[in-house]
Amino acid sequence: MSTHVPIIVRARLAAGIAQAAPWGIALDGLLAAELWADHKAAARAAAEDYVRALDQDNPADLNLPLARCTPDDGPWHWAATCAFPEEPVDRLDVHTWTGRIDHRHLEQTTTALPKVISGRQGRYRTRRMPLLVTPCTSVIWRAIGDPDKIRDLLTPIASIGKKRTSGEGHVLAWEVTPDPELDTFAAAHLHPDGTLGRPTPPMCLHGQTLTDGGTGRAGIRPPYMHSSRQYLLHLPALLQS
């Protein structure tokens, strides 16, 4: 008996989230990252070689606790959307991150150093960079999957998005709630406002006209950056215009 049901996943945030793409973080990507981390830890504990998914010619699809959407013509994908900010402020915050080389660390990695290492130019220069942050109290995903298994995978995740080690994207709590009234197509593809919520093959839309981010080449499922996962897809609606 299948335990996959329409669900709402919510991450309660301390102060918003910094995201790399013009759309939110993919739920299946978060779940896959946790499973890959477990596989890596198990390989290290057993003193076995571990090859990153991006370094494999054809990485295997992990057994995520999500349903699969399998169109008649086109690549399949997990039935889950990207993150959607709830009650976001109508502007982006501009935070700043800095980085500078630690000369003591350099001394431990080389047998000789030049007399002067410039902090103003070259690969070891000091950096001060802007970081765009979406202020919001929470982000939500829609999906079709196993609520208990999804909750177990998400609970250890303490932060999401960019610059997590600098305190960005801190998660206060995870909520995984079944929503039996949610339409299965909407649960797998749409944001709460009815816009397209994930990279989607044309056949999945069945000719529907939805607000999206246009068409372009993008990843269809984890690992999203791998060449074998890249297709011409309808892109999610942009979070910032």
Protein backbone atom coordinates (compact mmCIF):
# COMPACT_ATOMS: atom_id res chain seq x y z
CA MET A 1 0.00 0.00 0.00
CA SER A 2 1.42 3.38 -1.01
CA THR A 3 2.14 5.88 1.76
CA HIS A 4 2.51 8.75 -0.71
CA VAL A 5 -0.01 11.54 -0.10
CA PRO A 6 -0.18 15.25 -0.99
CA ILE A 7 1.73 17.20 1.65
CA ILE A 8 2.83 20.70 2.61
CA VAL A 9 6.39 21.07 3.91
CA ARG A 10 7.21 24.26 5.82
CA ALA A 11 10.55 25.53 7.14
CA ARG A 12 10.19 28.16 9.87
CA LEU A 13 13.09 30.58 9.42
CA ALA A 14 14.87 32.92 11.81
CA ALA A 15 15.49 35.76 9.35
CA GLY A 16 14.90 34.74 5.74
CA ILE A 17 16.92 32.87 3.13
CA ALA A 18 19.68 33.55 0.60
CA GLN A 19 19.12 31.68 -2.67
CA ALA A 20 21.38 31.23 -5.68
CA ALA A 21 18.72 30.83 -8.37
CA PRO A 22 15.79 33.14 -9.25
CA TRP A 23 13.54 30.39 -7.88
CA GLY A 24 13.59 28.53 -4.59
CA ILE A 25 15.47 25.48 -3.34
CA ALA A 26 14.14 22.16 -4.66
CA LEU A 27 12.70 19.85 -2.01
CA ASP A 28 13.96 16.72 -3.78
CA GLY A 29 17.43 18.29 -3.85
CA LEU A 30 17.37 18.78 -0.07
CA LEU A 31 16.27 15.19 0.52
CA ALA A 32 18.83 13.79 -1.92
CA ALA A 33 21.62 15.79 -0.26
CA GLU A 34 20.81 14.21 3.09
CA LEU A 35 20.85 10.70 1.62
CA TRP A 36 24.15 11.36 -0.18
CA ALA A 37 25.64 12.63 3.08
CA ASP A 38 24.59 9.39 4.77
CA HIS A 39 26.13 7.31 1.96
CA LYS A 40 29.37 9.27 2.20
CA ALA A 41 29.56 8.80 5.97
CA ALA A 42 28.92 5.06 5.61
CA ALA A 43 31.63 4.75 2.95
CA ARG A 44 34.15 6.54 5.15
CA ALA A 45 33.26 4.39 8.15
CA ALA A 46 33.84 1.27 6.04
CA ALA A 47 37.08 2.69 4.57
CA GLU A 48 35.59 2.49 1.09
CA ASP A 49 36.11 4.85 -1.83
CA TYR A 50 33.37 7.41 -2.33
CA VAL A 51 32.78 9.01 -5.74
CA ARG A 52 30.73 12.20 -5.76
CA ALA A 53 27.55 12.07 -7.81
CA LEU A 54 28.78 14.92 -10.03
CA ASP A 55 31.95 12.93 -10.80
CA GLN A 56 30.04 9.86 -11.98
CA ASP A 57 29.17 9.36 -15.66
CA ASN A 58 25.60 8.35 -14.87
CA PRO A 59 24.74 8.81 -11.17
CA ALA A 60 22.06 6.55 -9.80
CA ASP A 61 18.72 7.98 -8.71
CA LEU A 62 18.35 7.66 -4.97
CA ASN A 63 15.22 6.17 -3.46
CA LEU A 64 13.59 9.36 -2.21
CA PRO A 65 10.34 9.20 -0.19
CA LEU A 66 8.52 11.01 -3.00
CA ALA A 67 6.20 9.94 -5.82
CA ARG A 68 7.44 10.10 -9.40
CA CYS A 69 5.82 12.10 -12.18
CA THR A 70 6.34 10.17 -15.43
CA PRO A 71 5.05 11.97 -18.54
CA ASP A 72 4.37 9.97 -21.70
CA ASP A 73 7.11 11.81 -23.57
CA GLY A 74 9.98 13.35 -21.66
CA PRO A 75 12.10 12.84 -18.54
CA TRP A 76 10.52 11.88 -15.25
CA HIS A 77 10.88 13.94 -12.11
CA TRP A 78 10.06 13.75 -8.42
CA ALA A 79 6.64 15.08 -7.40
CA ALA A 80 7.84 18.06 -5.41
CA THR A 81 8.17 21.80 -5.91
CA CYS A 82 10.78 24.43 -5.12
CA ALA A 83 10.60 26.64 -2.02
CA PHE A 84 8.07 29.48 -1.97
CA PRO A 85 8.47 32.32 0.59
CA GLU A 86 5.45 32.91 2.82
CA GLU A 87 4.58 36.55 3.49
CA PRO A 88 7.88 37.86 2.11
CA VAL A 89 8.88 41.51 2.48
CA ASP A 90 8.50 43.23 -0.92
CA ARG A 91 12.23 43.87 -1.19
CA LEU A 92 15.50 42.01 -0.88
CA ASP A 93 17.92 42.62 1.98
CA VAL A 94 21.53 43.12 0.98
CA HIS A 95 23.86 41.41 3.44
CA THR A 96 27.63 41.28 3.10
CA TRP A 97 30.10 38.43 3.42
CA THR A 98 33.85 38.82 3.72
CA GLY A 99 36.77 36.48 3.28
CA ARG A 100 40.51 36.79 3.80
CA ILE A 101 43.33 34.31 3.68
CA ASP A 102 44.73 32.87 6.89
CA HIS A 103 48.52 32.88 6.51
CA ARG A 104 48.89 30.24 9.21
CA HIS A 105 46.79 27.85 7.16
CA LEU A 106 48.92 28.53 4.10
CA GLU A 107 52.06 27.69 6.07
CA GLN A 108 50.62 24.26 6.83
CA THR A 109 49.90 23.44 3.19
CA THR A 110 53.15 24.41 1.47
CA THR A 111 56.90 24.13 2.01
CA ALA A 112 57.66 27.71 0.94
CA LEU A 113 55.78 31.02 0.80
CA PRO A 114 56.62 34.29 -0.96
CA LYS A 115 57.64 37.19 1.22
CA VAL A 116 54.44 39.07 0.40
CA ILE A 117 50.97 37.66 -0.33
CA SER A 118 48.84 40.47 -1.72
CA GLY A 119 45.49 41.03 -0.09
CA ARG A 120 44.37 43.31 -2.93
CA GLN A 121 44.84 41.18 -6.04
CA GLY A 122 45.23 37.58 -7.16
CA ARG A 123 43.52 34.43 -5.93
CA TYR A 124 44.32 35.17 -2.27
CA ARG A 125 42.92 38.70 -2.23
CA THR A 126 40.55 39.82 0.51
CA ARG A 127 36.90 39.74 -0.55
CA ARG A 128 33.88 41.76 0.47
CA MET A 129 30.80 40.62 -1.44
CA PRO A 130 27.06 41.42 -1.37
CA LEU A 131 24.54 38.68 -0.60
CA LEU A 132 20.87 39.03 -1.51
CA VAL A 133 18.53 37.68 1.17
CA THR A 134 14.75 37.24 0.95
CA PRO A 135 13.29 38.32 4.32
CA CYS A 136 10.46 35.95 5.29
CA THR A 137 9.31 33.98 8.31
CA SER A 138 8.99 30.69 6.43
CA VAL A 139 9.19 28.94 3.07
CA ILE A 140 6.91 26.13 1.90
CA TRP A 141 7.02 23.28 -0.58
CA ARG A 142 4.26 21.13 -2.02
CA ALA A 143 4.89 17.47 -2.74
CA ILE A 144 3.46 13.97 -2.94
CA GLY A 145 5.33 11.63 -0.65
CA ASP A 146 5.69 9.82 2.66
CA PRO A 147 5.28 12.42 5.44
CA ASP A 148 7.08 10.44 8.14
CA LYS A 149 10.15 9.59 6.04
CA ILE A 150 10.37 13.14 4.70
CA ARG A 151 10.17 14.53 8.23
CA ASP A 152 12.94 12.18 9.39
CA LEU A 153 15.25 13.36 6.60
CA LEU A 154 14.54 17.07 7.08
CA THR A 155 14.67 17.28 10.88
CA PRO A 156 18.52 17.28 11.15
CA ILE A 157 18.86 20.14 8.61
CA ALA A 158 19.65 23.27 10.62
CA SER A 159 19.95 25.78 7.76
CA ILE A 160 19.20 26.08 4.05
CA GLY A 161 20.33 28.27 1.17
CA LYS A 162 23.61 30.11 0.64
CA LYS A 163 26.18 31.09 3.29
CA ARG A 164 24.76 28.75 5.92
CA THR A 165 28.00 28.78 7.94
CA SER A 166 27.61 32.55 8.25
CA GLY A 167 24.20 32.20 9.89
CA GLU A 168 21.98 32.63 6.84
CA GLY A 169 18.87 30.49 6.32
CA HIS A 170 18.69 29.24 9.92
CA VAL A 171 15.73 26.87 10.32
CA LEU A 172 13.80 27.13 13.58
CA ALA A 173 11.47 24.19 12.90
CA TRP A 174 10.27 21.82 10.17
CA GLU A 175 6.60 21.04 9.61
CA VAL A 176 5.37 18.25 7.32
CA THR A 177 1.58 18.21 7.02
CA PRO A 178 -0.62 15.95 4.85
CA ASP A 179 -3.15 17.89 2.77
CA PRO A 180 -5.71 15.42 1.34
CA GLU A 181 -7.65 18.24 -0.38
CA LEU A 182 -4.62 19.28 -2.46
CA ASP A 183 -4.85 18.32 -6.13
CA THR A 184 -2.10 15.90 -7.16
CA PHE A 185 -1.01 17.98 -10.17
CA ALA A 186 -0.78 21.11 -8.02
CA ALA A 187 1.08 19.24 -5.28
CA ALA A 188 3.73 18.05 -7.73
CA HIS A 189 4.11 21.18 -9.87
CA LEU A 190 2.57 24.42 -8.57
CA HIS A 191 3.30 27.10 -5.99
CA PRO A 192 0.40 28.09 -3.69
CA ASP A 193 -0.32 31.11 -5.91
CA GLY A 194 -0.91 28.84 -8.93
CA THR A 195 2.36 29.64 -10.73
CA LEU A 196 4.74 26.93 -11.93
CA GLY A 197 6.75 25.72 -8.96
CA ARG A 198 9.47 23.49 -10.43
CA PRO A 199 11.40 22.80 -13.68
CA THR A 200 8.84 20.87 -15.74
CA PRO A 201 8.80 19.00 -19.07
CA PRO A 202 6.20 20.37 -21.55
CA MET A 203 4.22 17.09 -21.56
CA CYS A 204 3.50 17.43 -17.83
CA LEU A 205 1.52 20.62 -18.44
CA HIS A 206 -0.96 19.02 -20.90
CA GLY A 207 -1.27 22.25 -22.85
CA GLN A 208 -2.10 24.39 -19.80
CA THR A 209 -0.98 28.01 -19.82
CA LEU A 210 0.68 28.82 -16.52
CA THR A 211 2.74 31.72 -15.26
CA ASP A 212 6.32 30.49 -15.35
CA GLY A 213 9.89 31.72 -15.82
CA GLY A 214 10.02 30.93 -19.53
CA THR A 215 11.82 27.97 -21.05
CA GLY A 216 15.47 27.07 -20.76
CA ARG A 217 17.95 24.32 -20.08
CA ALA A 218 17.85 23.18 -16.48
CA GLY A 219 18.16 20.14 -14.25
CA ILE A 220 15.12 17.90 -13.94
CA ARG A 221 16.06 16.01 -10.75
CA PRO A 222 19.06 15.53 -8.42
CA PRO A 223 21.92 15.92 -9.01
CA TYR A 224 20.63 19.03 -10.76
CA MET A 225 24.04 20.21 -12.02
CA HIS A 226 24.96 16.91 -13.70
CA SER A 227 24.91 16.96 -17.52
CA SER A 228 22.74 13.82 -17.66
CA ARG A 229 19.95 15.69 -15.82
CA GLN A 230 19.85 18.73 -18.15
CA TYR A 231 16.85 19.22 -20.46
CA LEU A 232 14.89 22.00 -22.14
CA LEU A 233 12.16 22.68 -19.59
CA HIS A 234 9.54 25.15 -18.47
CA LEU A 235 11.24 27.01 -15.63
CA PRO A 236 9.61 27.91 -12.29
CA ALA A 237 8.00 31.33 -11.90
CA LEU A 238 10.59 33.88 -10.78
CA LEU A 239 10.36 34.88 -7.14
CA GLN A 240 11.65 38.39 -7.85
CA SER A 241 10.63 40.39 -10.90
